[in-house]
Every structure is written in C-alpha cells, then in structure tokens.
Amino acid sequence: MVLEPGQPQQLLSVADTLTWLSDWLRKLDELPADLADQPDLTAAAQRLLDTACDLEISPGVTLQWFAVRLELPNR
C-alpha cells in the first residue's frame, strides 16, 4: 500500500512499489544521507523498502508505504 499526499491510496506489488520509490527518488534534488552510499536508485529504493516506511519529499510532505497481507478465502 502506498500513500501520496492528495492522491488515493494504491495497492501495488513489491516490484511496482520499488519502481514507485525509484521514481520519487529520481525527483529529489539530493538523496537522503542514509541512501547516499547506495550504488543506484534501485538499490536506494530497495533499502527504503527494507528499512523504512516513509520518505519526506519536501518539508512537511511525506510519502508512506507499508506491506499488506491479503488472504484469499478457502475454496
């Protein structure tokens, strides 16, 4: 599940969430200090996915994401 200010929530796959995070990181003027050592944006996005649940994209504006487990009914 990803949340952007002013947008409806989106349910994305892990791969799509990585792409979403990479796209947002690309838009930033500078990567956060804890991501600066990552070799590329995909690695930085993966680190975010593994270690965080939000990213401030401008003062007071934050993106959020979290895992959602969907259980299908028994058939």
N, C-alpha and C. Protein backbone atom coordinates (compact mmCIF):
# COMPACT_ATOMS: atom_id res chain seq x y z
N MET A 1 0.86 -1.16 0.00
CA MET A 1 0.00 0.00 0.00
C MET A 1 0.90 1.22 0.00
N VAL A 2 0.67 2.14 -0.93
CA VAL A 2 1.43 3.38 -0.95
C VAL A 2 0.48 4.56 -0.81
N LEU A 3 0.97 5.57 -0.12
CA LEU A 3 0.18 6.77 0.15
C LEU A 3 0.97 8.00 -0.28
N GLU A 4 0.33 8.82 -1.11
CA GLU A 4 0.90 10.09 -1.54
C GLU A 4 -0.07 11.18 -1.14
N PRO A 5 0.44 12.31 -0.66
CA PRO A 5 -0.46 13.41 -0.31
C PRO A 5 -1.34 13.81 -1.49
N GLY A 6 -2.63 13.93 -1.24
CA GLY A 6 -3.57 14.38 -2.26
C GLY A 6 -3.95 13.33 -3.29
N GLN A 7 -3.51 12.09 -3.10
CA GLN A 7 -3.82 11.01 -4.03
C GLN A 7 -4.53 9.88 -3.30
N PRO A 8 -5.35 9.11 -4.01
CA PRO A 8 -5.95 7.94 -3.35
C PRO A 8 -4.87 6.90 -3.06
N GLN A 9 -5.10 6.10 -2.04
CA GLN A 9 -4.14 5.03 -1.72
C GLN A 9 -4.09 4.05 -2.88
N GLN A 10 -2.92 3.44 -3.05
CA GLN A 10 -2.72 2.48 -4.13
C GLN A 10 -2.20 1.17 -3.55
N LEU A 11 -2.70 0.09 -4.03
CA LEU A 11 -2.21 -1.22 -3.65
C LEU A 11 -1.28 -1.69 -4.78
N LEU A 12 0.01 -1.76 -4.49
CA LEU A 12 1.00 -2.11 -5.51
C LEU A 12 1.73 -3.39 -5.12
N SER A 13 2.24 -4.07 -6.12
CA SER A 13 3.11 -5.22 -5.87
C SER A 13 4.46 -4.71 -5.36
N VAL A 14 5.29 -5.61 -4.88
CA VAL A 14 6.62 -5.22 -4.41
C VAL A 14 7.40 -4.58 -5.56
N ALA A 15 7.37 -5.18 -6.73
CA ALA A 15 8.11 -4.64 -7.88
C ALA A 15 7.61 -3.24 -8.24
N ASP A 16 6.29 -3.06 -8.24
CA ASP A 16 5.73 -1.75 -8.56
C ASP A 16 6.05 -0.72 -7.47
N THR A 17 6.11 -1.16 -6.23
CA THR A 17 6.47 -0.24 -5.15
C THR A 17 7.92 0.20 -5.30
N LEU A 18 8.81 -0.72 -5.68
CA LEU A 18 10.20 -0.34 -5.93
C LEU A 18 10.31 0.68 -7.05
N THR A 19 9.55 0.48 -8.11
CA THR A 19 9.54 1.44 -9.21
C THR A 19 9.01 2.78 -8.75
N TRP A 20 7.93 2.77 -7.97
CA TRP A 20 7.33 3.99 -7.44
C TRP A 20 8.34 4.75 -6.59
N LEU A 21 9.05 4.03 -5.69
CA LEU A 21 10.05 4.67 -4.86
C LEU A 21 11.21 5.20 -5.69
N SER A 22 11.67 4.43 -6.65
CA SER A 22 12.76 4.88 -7.53
C SER A 22 12.38 6.15 -8.27
N ASP A 23 11.16 6.20 -8.76
CA ASP A 23 10.68 7.39 -9.47
C ASP A 23 10.69 8.61 -8.56
N TRP A 24 10.26 8.45 -7.32
CA TRP A 24 10.27 9.56 -6.38
C TRP A 24 11.69 9.97 -6.02
N LEU A 25 12.57 9.01 -5.82
CA LEU A 25 13.97 9.34 -5.51
C LEU A 25 14.61 10.11 -6.66
N ARG A 26 14.27 9.77 -7.88
CA ARG A 26 14.79 10.46 -9.06
C ARG A 26 14.39 11.93 -9.06
N LYS A 27 13.24 12.25 -8.49
CA LYS A 27 12.73 13.62 -8.48
C LYS A 27 13.39 14.49 -7.42
N LEU A 28 14.05 13.87 -6.44
CA LEU A 28 14.66 14.63 -5.36
C LEU A 28 15.94 15.31 -5.85
N ASP A 29 16.21 16.50 -5.33
CA ASP A 29 17.45 17.20 -5.66
C ASP A 29 18.65 16.47 -5.10
N GLU A 30 18.46 15.85 -3.94
CA GLU A 30 19.55 15.15 -3.26
C GLU A 30 18.96 13.98 -2.48
N LEU A 31 19.64 12.84 -2.53
CA LEU A 31 19.17 11.68 -1.77
C LEU A 31 19.38 11.93 -0.28
N PRO A 32 18.51 11.37 0.56
CA PRO A 32 18.75 11.44 2.00
C PRO A 32 20.12 10.85 2.34
N ALA A 33 20.73 11.35 3.38
CA ALA A 33 22.09 10.94 3.76
C ALA A 33 22.23 9.43 3.92
N ASP A 34 21.20 8.77 4.47
CA ASP A 34 21.30 7.32 4.69
C ASP A 34 21.19 6.50 3.41
N LEU A 35 20.91 7.15 2.29
CA LEU A 35 20.84 6.45 1.00
C LEU A 35 21.98 6.83 0.07
N ALA A 36 22.78 7.82 0.46
CA ALA A 36 23.83 8.35 -0.42
C ALA A 36 24.87 7.31 -0.80
N ASP A 37 25.06 6.28 0.03
CA ASP A 37 26.08 5.27 -0.27
C ASP A 37 25.57 4.14 -1.17
N GLN A 38 24.31 4.20 -1.57
CA GLN A 38 23.76 3.15 -2.43
C GLN A 38 24.26 3.34 -3.86
N PRO A 39 24.52 2.23 -4.58
CA PRO A 39 25.12 2.34 -5.91
C PRO A 39 24.20 2.94 -6.98
N ASP A 40 22.89 2.82 -6.80
CA ASP A 40 21.95 3.38 -7.78
C ASP A 40 20.59 3.57 -7.13
N LEU A 41 19.66 4.14 -7.89
CA LEU A 41 18.33 4.43 -7.34
C LEU A 41 17.55 3.16 -6.99
N THR A 42 17.75 2.11 -7.76
CA THR A 42 17.05 0.86 -7.45
C THR A 42 17.50 0.31 -6.11
N ALA A 43 18.79 0.35 -5.86
CA ALA A 43 19.32 -0.11 -4.57
C ALA A 43 18.84 0.80 -3.44
N ALA A 44 18.79 2.10 -3.69
CA ALA A 44 18.30 3.04 -2.68
C ALA A 44 16.83 2.76 -2.38
N ALA A 45 16.03 2.52 -3.42
CA ALA A 45 14.61 2.20 -3.23
C ALA A 45 14.46 0.89 -2.45
N GLN A 46 15.27 -0.10 -2.76
CA GLN A 46 15.20 -1.38 -2.05
C GLN A 46 15.55 -1.18 -0.58
N ARG A 47 16.56 -0.37 -0.31
CA ARG A 47 16.92 -0.10 1.09
C ARG A 47 15.77 0.56 1.83
N LEU A 48 15.12 1.54 1.17
CA LEU A 48 13.95 2.17 1.79
C LEU A 48 12.86 1.15 2.08
N LEU A 49 12.59 0.31 1.11
CA LEU A 49 11.54 -0.69 1.28
C LEU A 49 11.86 -1.64 2.44
N ASP A 50 13.13 -1.96 2.60
CA ASP A 50 13.56 -2.90 3.64
C ASP A 50 13.65 -2.27 5.03
N THR A 51 13.88 -0.95 5.09
CA THR A 51 14.24 -0.36 6.38
C THR A 51 13.36 0.80 6.83
N ALA A 52 12.45 1.27 5.99
CA ALA A 52 11.68 2.46 6.35
C ALA A 52 10.23 2.30 5.91
N CYS A 53 9.43 3.28 6.23
CA CYS A 53 8.03 3.27 5.80
C CYS A 53 7.57 4.66 5.37
N ASP A 54 8.52 5.61 5.31
CA ASP A 54 8.15 6.93 4.82
C ASP A 54 9.37 7.64 4.25
N LEU A 55 9.10 8.67 3.45
CA LEU A 55 10.14 9.47 2.82
C LEU A 55 9.62 10.89 2.70
N GLU A 56 10.34 11.82 3.31
CA GLU A 56 9.96 13.22 3.20
C GLU A 56 10.48 13.74 1.87
N ILE A 57 9.57 14.17 1.00
CA ILE A 57 9.96 14.64 -0.33
C ILE A 57 10.11 16.15 -0.38
N SER A 58 9.54 16.84 0.58
CA SER A 58 9.74 18.27 0.77
C SER A 58 9.31 18.56 2.21
N PRO A 59 9.69 19.71 2.75
CA PRO A 59 9.34 19.97 4.14
C PRO A 59 7.84 19.80 4.41
N GLY A 60 7.52 18.88 5.30
CA GLY A 60 6.13 18.63 5.68
C GLY A 60 5.35 17.74 4.73
N VAL A 61 5.97 17.27 3.65
CA VAL A 61 5.28 16.41 2.68
C VAL A 61 5.98 15.05 2.67
N THR A 62 5.23 14.03 3.06
CA THR A 62 5.81 12.70 3.24
C THR A 62 5.04 11.65 2.45
N LEU A 63 5.80 10.76 1.82
CA LEU A 63 5.23 9.56 1.20
C LEU A 63 5.29 8.45 2.23
N GLN A 64 4.32 7.55 2.18
CA GLN A 64 4.32 6.41 3.10
C GLN A 64 3.99 5.14 2.33
N TRP A 65 4.49 4.03 2.84
CA TRP A 65 4.19 2.73 2.26
C TRP A 65 4.23 1.69 3.37
N PHE A 66 3.49 0.63 3.16
CA PHE A 66 3.50 -0.46 4.12
C PHE A 66 3.00 -1.72 3.45
N ALA A 67 3.42 -2.84 4.01
CA ALA A 67 3.02 -4.15 3.47
C ALA A 67 1.60 -4.46 3.90
N VAL A 68 0.87 -5.07 3.01
CA VAL A 68 -0.49 -5.53 3.28
C VAL A 68 -0.54 -7.01 2.91
N ARG A 69 -1.00 -7.82 3.82
CA ARG A 69 -1.14 -9.25 3.53
C ARG A 69 -2.59 -9.51 3.17
N LEU A 70 -2.77 -10.04 1.99
CA LEU A 70 -4.11 -10.38 1.53
C LEU A 70 -4.31 -11.88 1.67
N GLU A 71 -5.39 -12.25 2.28
CA GLU A 71 -5.69 -13.66 2.42
C GLU A 71 -6.91 -13.96 1.57
N LEU A 72 -6.78 -14.96 0.73
CA LEU A 72 -7.89 -15.38 -0.10
C LEU A 72 -8.74 -16.39 0.65
N PRO A 73 -10.03 -16.32 0.46
CA PRO A 73 -10.89 -17.30 1.15
C PRO A 73 -10.61 -18.71 0.64
N ASN A 74 -10.78 -19.68 1.53
CA ASN A 74 -10.60 -21.08 1.13
C ASN A 74 -11.67 -21.45 0.12
N ARG A 75 -11.28 -22.21 -0.83
CA ARG A 75 -12.24 -22.62 -1.86
C ARG A 75 -12.57 -24.07 -1.74
